Amino acid sequence: MGMAVGFVLITVSPMKEKEIFDKLSSIEEIAEIYPLFGEYDILAKIEAKDFDEIGSVVIKKIRAIPGVIDTKTLVSTESLKGK
């Protein structure tokens, strides 16, 4: 297996979106960040060597950001499109 991919749905405190977006941008394992409208506020794509590293990024880096209320993580091994 080449790489593990995680998609993290993030709920943030009101008015903290920009501040949290900036902090997420500085985390090297995060490849992409999207604003969302609805139940979650931000979607972050993590690219890591394995699932343990994804868990570590979520717990030690994302959840540690002040203003992050909740996260939900979806993990995958590879994209099925473009193969």
PDB file of N, CA and C in Angstrom:
ATOM      1  N   MET A   1       0.843  -1.188   0.000  1.00  0.00           N
ATOM      2  CA  MET A   1       0.000   0.000   0.000  1.00  0.00           C
ATOM      3  C   MET A   1       0.883   1.244   0.000  1.00  0.00           C
ATOM      4  N   GLY A   2       0.565   2.174  -0.881  1.00  0.00           N
ATOM      5  CA  GLY A   2       1.394   3.350  -1.010  1.00  0.00           C
ATOM      6  C   GLY A   2       1.165   4.408   0.041  1.00  0.00           C
ATOM      7  N   MET A   3      -0.092   4.776   0.236  1.00  0.00           N
ATOM      8  CA  MET A   3      -0.366   5.881   1.123  1.00  0.00           C
ATOM      9  C   MET A   3      -1.769   5.750   1.697  1.00  0.00           C
ATOM     10  N   ALA A   4      -1.941   6.224   2.904  1.00  0.00           N
ATOM     11  CA  ALA A   4      -3.256   6.281   3.517  1.00  0.00           C
ATOM     12  C   ALA A   4      -3.800   7.692   3.354  1.00  0.00           C
ATOM     13  N   VAL A   5      -5.086   7.783   3.104  1.00  0.00           N
ATOM     14  CA  VAL A   5      -5.736   9.075   2.930  1.00  0.00           C
ATOM     15  C   VAL A   5      -6.857   9.193   3.943  1.00  0.00           C
ATOM     16  N   GLY A   6      -6.949  10.343   4.579  1.00  0.00           N
ATOM     17  CA  GLY A   6      -8.024  10.601   5.532  1.00  0.00           C
ATOM     18  C   GLY A   6      -8.744  11.881   5.169  1.00  0.00           C
ATOM     19  N   PHE A   7     -10.063  11.847   5.322  1.00  0.00           N
ATOM     20  CA  PHE A   7     -10.871  13.044   5.140  1.00  0.00           C
ATOM     21  C   PHE A   7     -11.458  13.386   6.498  1.00  0.00           C
ATOM     22  N   VAL A   8     -11.161  14.588   6.988  1.00  0.00           N
ATOM     23  CA  VAL A   8     -11.598  14.979   8.320  1.00  0.00           C
ATOM     24  C   VAL A   8     -12.660  16.072   8.206  1.00  0.00           C
ATOM     25  N   LEU A   9     -13.843  15.761   8.720  1.00  0.00           N
ATOM     26  CA  LEU A   9     -14.930  16.739   8.797  1.00  0.00           C
ATOM     27  C   LEU A   9     -14.778  17.446  10.133  1.00  0.00           C
ATOM     28  N   ILE A  10     -14.694  18.775  10.096  1.00  0.00           N
ATOM     29  CA  ILE A  10     -14.359  19.550  11.291  1.00  0.00           C
ATOM     30  C   ILE A  10     -15.472  20.545  11.610  1.00  0.00           C
ATOM     31  N   THR A  11     -15.902  20.539  12.867  1.00  0.00           N
ATOM     32  CA  THR A  11     -16.851  21.529  13.365  1.00  0.00           C
ATOM     33  C   THR A  11     -16.058  22.531  14.194  1.00  0.00           C
ATOM     34  N   VAL A  12     -16.268  23.829  13.922  1.00  0.00           N
ATOM     35  CA  VAL A  12     -15.502  24.857  14.619  1.00  0.00           C
ATOM     36  C   VAL A  12     -16.426  25.846  15.319  1.00  0.00           C
ATOM     37  N   SER A  13     -15.862  26.558  16.288  1.00  0.00           N
ATOM     38  CA  SER A  13     -16.610  27.599  16.985  1.00  0.00           C
ATOM     39  C   SER A  13     -16.979  28.711  16.008  1.00  0.00           C
ATOM     40  N   PRO A  14     -18.146  29.323  16.176  1.00  0.00           N
ATOM     41  CA  PRO A  14     -18.528  30.428  15.295  1.00  0.00           C
ATOM     42  C   PRO A  14     -17.457  31.523  15.267  1.00  0.00           C
ATOM     43  N   MET A  15     -17.231  32.057  14.097  1.00  0.00           N
ATOM     44  CA  MET A  15     -16.283  33.147  13.856  1.00  0.00           C
ATOM     45  C   MET A  15     -14.815  32.730  13.978  1.00  0.00           C
ATOM     46  N   LYS A  16     -14.543  31.444  14.097  1.00  0.00           N
ATOM     47  CA  LYS A  16     -13.158  30.964  14.216  1.00  0.00           C
ATOM     48  C   LYS A  16     -12.664  30.335  12.909  1.00  0.00           C
ATOM     49  N   GLU A  17     -13.519  30.299  11.882  1.00  0.00           N
ATOM     50  CA  GLU A  17     -13.178  29.577  10.655  1.00  0.00           C
ATOM     51  C   GLU A  17     -11.853  30.024  10.047  1.00  0.00           C
ATOM     52  N   LYS A  18     -11.647  31.316   9.885  1.00  0.00           N
ATOM     53  CA  LYS A  18     -10.436  31.831   9.234  1.00  0.00           C
ATOM     54  C   LYS A  18      -9.192  31.479  10.042  1.00  0.00           C
ATOM     55  N   GLU A  19      -9.261  31.665  11.340  1.00  0.00           N
ATOM     56  CA  GLU A  19      -8.133  31.366  12.224  1.00  0.00           C
ATOM     57  C   GLU A  19      -7.775  29.876  12.152  1.00  0.00           C
ATOM     58  N   ILE A  20      -8.778  29.016  12.188  1.00  0.00           N
ATOM     59  CA  ILE A  20      -8.544  27.575  12.133  1.00  0.00           C
ATOM     60  C   ILE A  20      -8.052  27.165  10.746  1.00  0.00           C
ATOM     61  N   PHE A  21      -8.621  27.755   9.699  1.00  0.00           N
ATOM     62  CA  PHE A  21      -8.159  27.489   8.336  1.00  0.00           C
ATOM     63  C   PHE A  21      -6.662  27.788   8.225  1.00  0.00           C
ATOM     64  N   ASP A  22      -6.225  28.924   8.770  1.00  0.00           N
ATOM     65  CA  ASP A  22      -4.803  29.298   8.713  1.00  0.00           C
ATOM     66  C   ASP A  22      -3.926  28.288   9.445  1.00  0.00           C
ATOM     67  N   LYS A  23      -4.381  27.818  10.608  1.00  0.00           N
ATOM     68  CA  LYS A  23      -3.602  26.826  11.368  1.00  0.00           C
ATOM     69  C   LYS A  23      -3.562  25.487  10.636  1.00  0.00           C
ATOM     70  N   LEU A  24      -4.694  25.080  10.044  1.00  0.00           N
ATOM     71  CA  LEU A  24      -4.721  23.834   9.284  1.00  0.00           C
ATOM     72  C   LEU A  24      -3.759  23.904   8.101  1.00  0.00           C
ATOM     73  N   SER A  25      -3.662  25.077   7.483  1.00  0.00           N
ATOM     74  CA  SER A  25      -2.785  25.258   6.315  1.00  0.00           C
ATOM     75  C   SER A  25      -1.317  25.012   6.648  1.00  0.00           C
ATOM     76  N   SER A  26      -0.952  25.168   7.911  1.00  0.00           N
ATOM     77  CA  SER A  26       0.446  24.997   8.305  1.00  0.00           C
ATOM     78  C   SER A  26       0.787  23.544   8.672  1.00  0.00           C
ATOM     79  N   ILE A  27      -0.212  22.653   8.684  1.00  0.00           N
ATOM     80  CA  ILE A  27       0.034  21.245   9.009  1.00  0.00           C
ATOM     81  C   ILE A  27       0.449  20.531   7.725  1.00  0.00           C
ATOM     82  N   GLU A  28       1.673  20.014   7.692  1.00  0.00           N
ATOM     83  CA  GLU A  28       2.228  19.499   6.438  1.00  0.00           C
ATOM     84  C   GLU A  28       1.473  18.301   5.872  1.00  0.00           C
ATOM     85  N   GLU A  29       0.867  17.478   6.720  1.00  0.00           N
ATOM     86  CA  GLU A  29       0.163  16.293   6.226  1.00  0.00           C
ATOM     87  C   GLU A  29      -1.180  16.631   5.563  1.00  0.00           C
ATOM     88  N   ILE A  30      -1.666  17.845   5.786  1.00  0.00           N
ATOM     89  CA  ILE A  30      -2.944  18.246   5.180  1.00  0.00           C
ATOM     90  C   ILE A  30      -2.693  18.729   3.756  1.00  0.00           C
ATOM     91  N   ALA A  31      -3.272  17.998   2.794  1.00  0.00           N
ATOM     92  CA  ALA A  31      -3.046  18.282   1.377  1.00  0.00           C
ATOM     93  C   ALA A  31      -4.055  19.279   0.820  1.00  0.00           C
ATOM     94  N   GLU A  32      -5.296  19.228   1.317  1.00  0.00           N
ATOM     95  CA  GLU A  32      -6.351  20.097   0.798  1.00  0.00           C
ATOM     96  C   GLU A  32      -7.295  20.476   1.927  1.00  0.00           C
ATOM     97  N   ILE A  33      -7.888  21.679   1.812  1.00  0.00           N
ATOM     98  CA  ILE A  33      -8.846  22.168   2.805  1.00  0.00           C
ATOM     99  C   ILE A  33     -10.007  22.829   2.052  1.00  0.00           C
ATOM    100  N   TYR A  34     -11.225  22.470   2.446  1.00  0.00           N
ATOM    101  CA  TYR A  34     -12.413  23.037   1.806  1.00  0.00           C
ATOM    102  C   TYR A  34     -13.377  23.574   2.855  1.00  0.00           C
ATOM    103  N   PRO A  35     -13.948  24.771   2.620  1.00  0.00           N
ATOM    104  CA  PRO A  35     -15.016  25.243   3.503  1.00  0.00           C
ATOM    105  C   PRO A  35     -16.304  24.495   3.160  1.00  0.00           C
ATOM    106  N   LEU A  36     -17.113  24.223   4.158  1.00  0.00           N
ATOM    107  CA  LEU A  36     -18.381  23.526   3.957  1.00  0.00           C
ATOM    108  C   LEU A  36     -19.531  24.353   4.508  1.00  0.00           C
ATOM    109  N   PHE A  37     -20.713  24.087   4.033  1.00  0.00           N
ATOM    110  CA  PHE A  37     -21.927  24.714   4.548  1.00  0.00           C
ATOM    111  C   PHE A  37     -22.853  23.591   4.994  1.00  0.00           C
ATOM    112  N   GLY A  38     -23.234  23.583   6.241  1.00  0.00           N
ATOM    113  CA  GLY A  38     -24.084  22.520   6.742  1.00  0.00           C
ATOM    114  C   GLY A  38     -23.615  22.048   8.102  1.00  0.00           C
ATOM    115  N   GLU A  39     -23.712  20.738   8.314  1.00  0.00           N
ATOM    116  CA  GLU A  39     -23.405  20.171   9.627  1.00  0.00           C
ATOM    117  C   GLU A  39     -21.946  20.387  10.033  1.00  0.00           C
ATOM    118  N   TYR A  40     -21.032  20.348   9.070  1.00  0.00           N
ATOM    119  CA  TYR A  40     -19.612  20.551   9.344  1.00  0.00           C
ATOM    120  C   TYR A  40     -19.153  21.840   8.671  1.00  0.00           C
ATOM    121  N   ASP A  41     -18.056  22.402   9.177  1.00  0.00           N
ATOM    122  CA  ASP A  41     -17.574  23.695   8.689  1.00  0.00           C
ATOM    123  C   ASP A  41     -16.399  23.582   7.722  1.00  0.00           C
ATOM    124  N   ILE A  42     -15.541  22.590   7.928  1.00  0.00           N
ATOM    125  CA  ILE A  42     -14.323  22.452   7.125  1.00  0.00           C
ATOM    126  C   ILE A  42     -14.096  20.971   6.811  1.00  0.00           C
ATOM    127  N   LEU A  43     -13.624  20.708   5.591  1.00  0.00           N
ATOM    128  CA  LEU A  43     -13.178  19.369   5.196  1.00  0.00           C
ATOM    129  C   LEU A  43     -11.684  19.448   4.913  1.00  0.00           C
ATOM    130  N   ALA A  44     -10.902  18.612   5.586  1.00  0.00           N
ATOM    131  CA  ALA A  44      -9.456  18.577   5.359  1.00  0.00           C
ATOM    132  C   ALA A  44      -9.063  17.193   4.863  1.00  0.00           C
ATOM    133  N   LYS A  45      -8.229  17.153   3.836  1.00  0.00           N
ATOM    134  CA  LYS A  45      -7.714  15.887   3.308  1.00  0.00           C
ATOM    135  C   LYS A  45      -6.296  15.685   3.836  1.00  0.00           C
ATOM    136  N   ILE A  46      -6.089  14.556   4.511  1.00  0.00           N
ATOM    137  CA  ILE A  46      -4.773  14.213   5.053  1.00  0.00           C
ATOM    138  C   ILE A  46      -4.157  13.120   4.184  1.00  0.00           C
ATOM    139  N   GLU A  47      -2.893  13.289   3.832  1.00  0.00           N
ATOM    140  CA  GLU A  47      -2.138  12.246   3.145  1.00  0.00           C
ATOM    141  C   GLU A  47      -1.010  11.832   4.077  1.00  0.00           C
ATOM    142  N   ALA A  48      -0.981  10.534   4.423  1.00  0.00           N
ATOM    143  CA  ALA A  48      -0.008  10.051   5.395  1.00  0.00           C
ATOM    144  C   ALA A  48       0.510   8.672   4.991  1.00  0.00           C
ATOM    145  N   LYS A  49       1.542   8.217   5.696  1.00  0.00           N
ATOM    146  CA  LYS A  49       2.139   6.923   5.339  1.00  0.00           C
ATOM    147  C   LYS A  49       1.268   5.744   5.761  1.00  0.00           C
ATOM    148  N   ASP A  50       0.464   5.940   6.831  1.00  0.00           N
ATOM    149  CA  ASP A  50      -0.412   4.858   7.284  1.00  0.00           C
ATOM    150  C   ASP A  50      -1.550   5.427   8.130  1.00  0.00           C
ATOM    151  N   PHE A  51      -2.453   4.540   8.531  1.00  0.00           N
ATOM    152  CA  PHE A  51      -3.632   4.974   9.283  1.00  0.00           C
ATOM    153  C   PHE A  51      -3.263   5.507  10.664  1.00  0.00           C
ATOM    154  N   ASP A  52      -2.213   4.974  11.266  1.00  0.00           N
ATOM    155  CA  ASP A  52      -1.788   5.464  12.578  1.00  0.00           C
ATOM    156  C   ASP A  52      -1.367   6.925  12.499  1.00  0.00           C
ATOM    157  N   GLU A  53      -0.693   7.282  11.409  1.00  0.00           N
ATOM    158  CA  GLU A  53      -0.258   8.671  11.249  1.00  0.00           C
ATOM    159  C   GLU A  53      -1.464   9.592  11.061  1.00  0.00           C
ATOM    160  N   ILE A  54      -2.475   9.128  10.339  1.00  0.00           N
ATOM    161  CA  ILE A  54      -3.696   9.929  10.192  1.00  0.00           C
ATOM    162  C   ILE A  54      -4.304  10.197  11.568  1.00  0.00           C
ATOM    163  N   GLY A  55      -4.416   9.148  12.380  1.00  0.00           N
ATOM    164  CA  GLY A  55      -4.965   9.305  13.727  1.00  0.00           C
ATOM    165  C   GLY A  55      -4.165  10.280  14.560  1.00  0.00           C
ATOM    166  N   SER A  56      -2.858  10.205  14.439  1.00  0.00           N
ATOM    167  CA  SER A  56      -1.982  11.106  15.185  1.00  0.00           C
ATOM    168  C   SER A  56      -2.179  12.559  14.759  1.00  0.00           C
ATOM    169  N   VAL A  57      -2.292  12.796  13.459  1.00  0.00           N
ATOM    170  CA  VAL A  57      -2.514  14.161  12.958  1.00  0.00           C
ATOM    171  C   VAL A  57      -3.845  14.708  13.490  1.00  0.00           C
ATOM    172  N   VAL A  58      -4.885  13.886  13.444  1.00  0.00           N
ATOM    173  CA  VAL A  58      -6.201  14.334  13.919  1.00  0.00           C
ATOM    174  C   VAL A  58      -6.155  14.669  15.401  1.00  0.00           C
ATOM    175  N   ILE A  59      -5.611  13.768  16.196  1.00  0.00           N
ATOM    176  CA  ILE A  59      -5.633  13.959  17.650  1.00  0.00           C
ATOM    177  C   ILE A  59      -4.646  15.024  18.119  1.00  0.00           C
ATOM    178  N   LYS A  60      -3.400  14.942  17.641  1.00  0.00           N
ATOM    179  CA  LYS A  60      -2.349  15.818  18.178  1.00  0.00           C
ATOM    180  C   LYS A  60      -2.275  17.175  17.505  1.00  0.00           C
ATOM    181  N   LYS A  61      -2.739  17.277  16.256  1.00  0.00           N
ATOM    182  CA  LYS A  61      -2.598  18.546  15.539  1.00  0.00           C
ATOM    183  C   LYS A  61      -3.939  19.241  15.301  1.00  0.00           C
ATOM    184  N   ILE A  62      -4.926  18.534  14.756  1.00  0.00           N
ATOM    185  CA  ILE A  62      -6.204  19.187  14.428  1.00  0.00           C
ATOM    186  C   ILE A  62      -7.035  19.452  15.683  1.00  0.00           C
ATOM    187  N   ARG A  63      -7.243  18.417  16.494  1.00  0.00           N
ATOM    188  CA  ARG A  63      -8.061  18.586  17.702  1.00  0.00           C
ATOM    189  C   ARG A  63      -7.406  19.504  18.728  1.00  0.00           C
ATOM    190  N   ALA A  64      -6.108  19.716  18.607  1.00  0.00           N
ATOM    191  CA  ALA A  64      -5.393  20.592  19.544  1.00  0.00           C
ATOM    192  C   ALA A  64      -5.591  22.075  19.227  1.00  0.00           C
ATOM    193  N   ILE A  65      -6.160  22.385  18.072  1.00  0.00           N
ATOM    194  CA  ILE A  65      -6.365  23.782  17.688  1.00  0.00           C
ATOM    195  C   ILE A  65      -7.539  24.358  18.486  1.00  0.00           C
ATOM    196  N   PRO A  66      -7.311  25.465  19.182  1.00  0.00           N
ATOM    197  CA  PRO A  66      -8.421  26.091  19.915  1.00  0.00           C
ATOM    198  C   PRO A  66      -9.535  26.494  18.949  1.00  0.00           C
ATOM    199  N   GLY A  67     -10.768  26.170  19.311  1.00  0.00           N
ATOM    200  CA  GLY A  67     -11.897  26.491  18.446  1.00  0.00           C
ATOM    201  C   GLY A  67     -12.408  25.302  17.659  1.00  0.00           C
ATOM    202  N   VAL A  68     -11.634  24.216  17.604  1.00  0.00           N
ATOM    203  CA  VAL A  68     -12.122  22.982  16.979  1.00  0.00           C
ATOM    204  C   VAL A  68     -13.017  22.286  17.996  1.00  0.00           C
ATOM    205  N   ILE A  69     -14.297  22.134  17.641  1.00  0.00           N
ATOM    206  CA  ILE A  69     -15.268  21.551  18.560  1.00  0.00           C
ATOM    207  C   ILE A  69     -15.354  20.040  18.399  1.00  0.00           C
ATOM    208  N   ASP A  70     -15.362  19.574  17.148  1.00  0.00           N
ATOM    209  CA  ASP A  70     -15.562  18.158  16.894  1.00  0.00           C
ATOM    210  C   ASP A  70     -14.934  17.786  15.555  1.00  0.00           C
ATOM    211  N   THR A  71     -14.558  16.508  15.425  1.00  0.00           N
ATOM    212  CA  THR A  71     -14.051  16.000  14.150  1.00  0.00           C
ATOM    213  C   THR A  71     -14.671  14.637  13.869  1.00  0.00           C
ATOM    214  N   LYS A  72     -14.785  14.327  12.597  1.00  0.00           N
ATOM    215  CA  LYS A  72     -15.190  12.991  12.149  1.00  0.00           C
ATOM    216  C   LYS A  72     -14.231  12.622  11.034  1.00  0.00           C
ATOM    217  N   THR A  73     -13.580  11.473  11.155  1.00  0.00           N
ATOM    218  CA  THR A  73     -12.539  11.088  10.203  1.00  0.00           C
ATOM    219  C   THR A  73     -12.969   9.883   9.379  1.00  0.00           C
ATOM    220  N   LEU A  74     -12.812  10.003   8.067  1.00  0.00           N
ATOM    221  CA  LEU A  74     -13.068   8.924   7.122  1.00  0.00           C
ATOM    222  C   LEU A  74     -11.723   8.550   6.516  1.00  0.00           C
ATOM    223  N   VAL A  75     -11.410   7.259   6.459  1.00  0.00           N
ATOM    224  CA  VAL A  75     -10.112   6.853   5.913  1.00  0.00           C
ATOM    225  C   VAL A  75     -10.272   5.978   4.690  1.00  0.00           C
ATOM    226  N   SER A  76      -9.271   6.052   3.807  1.00  0.00           N
ATOM    227  CA  SER A  76      -9.276   5.293   2.570  1.00  0.00           C
ATOM    228  C   SER A  76      -7.836   4.954   2.204  1.00  0.00           C
ATOM    229  N   THR A  77      -7.669   4.086   1.208  1.00  0.00           N
ATOM    230  CA  THR A  77      -6.328   3.733   0.777  1.00  0.00           C
ATOM    231  C   THR A  77      -5.936   4.391  -0.537  1.00  0.00           C
ATOM    232  N   GLU A  78      -6.905   4.571  -1.438  1.00  0.00           N
ATOM    233  CA  GLU A  78      -6.568   5.169  -2.716  1.00  0.00           C
ATOM    234  C   GLU A  78      -7.839   5.640  -3.429  1.00  0.00           C
ATOM    235  N   SER A  79      -7.654   6.488  -4.392  1.00  0.00           N
ATOM    236  CA  SER A  79      -8.771   6.954  -5.203  1.00  0.00           C
ATOM    237  C   SER A  79      -9.092   5.904  -6.263  1.00  0.00           C
ATOM    238  N   LEU A  80     -10.365   5.708  -6.521  1.00  0.00           N
ATOM    239  CA  LEU A  80     -10.771   4.765  -7.559  1.00  0.00           C
ATOM    240  C   LEU A  80     -10.881   5.439  -8.925  1.00  0.00           C
ATOM    241  N   LYS A  81     -10.889   6.766  -8.936  1.00  0.00           N
ATOM    242  CA  LYS A  81     -10.984   7.502 -10.199  1.00  0.00           C
ATOM    243  C   LYS A  81      -9.588   7.824 -10.705  1.00  0.00           C
ATOM    244  N   GLY A  82      -9.400   7.713 -11.984  1.00  0.00           N
ATOM    245  CA  GLY A  82      -8.124   8.081 -12.575  1.00  0.00           C
ATOM    246  C   GLY A  82      -7.103   6.967 -12.592  1.00  0.00           C
ATOM    247  N   LYS A  83      -7.526   5.762 -12.246  1.00  0.00           N
ATOM    248  CA  LYS A  83      -6.586   4.617 -12.251  1.00  0.00           C
ATOM    249  C   LYS A  83      -6.581   3.962 -13.614  1.00  0.00           C
TER     250      LYS A  83
END
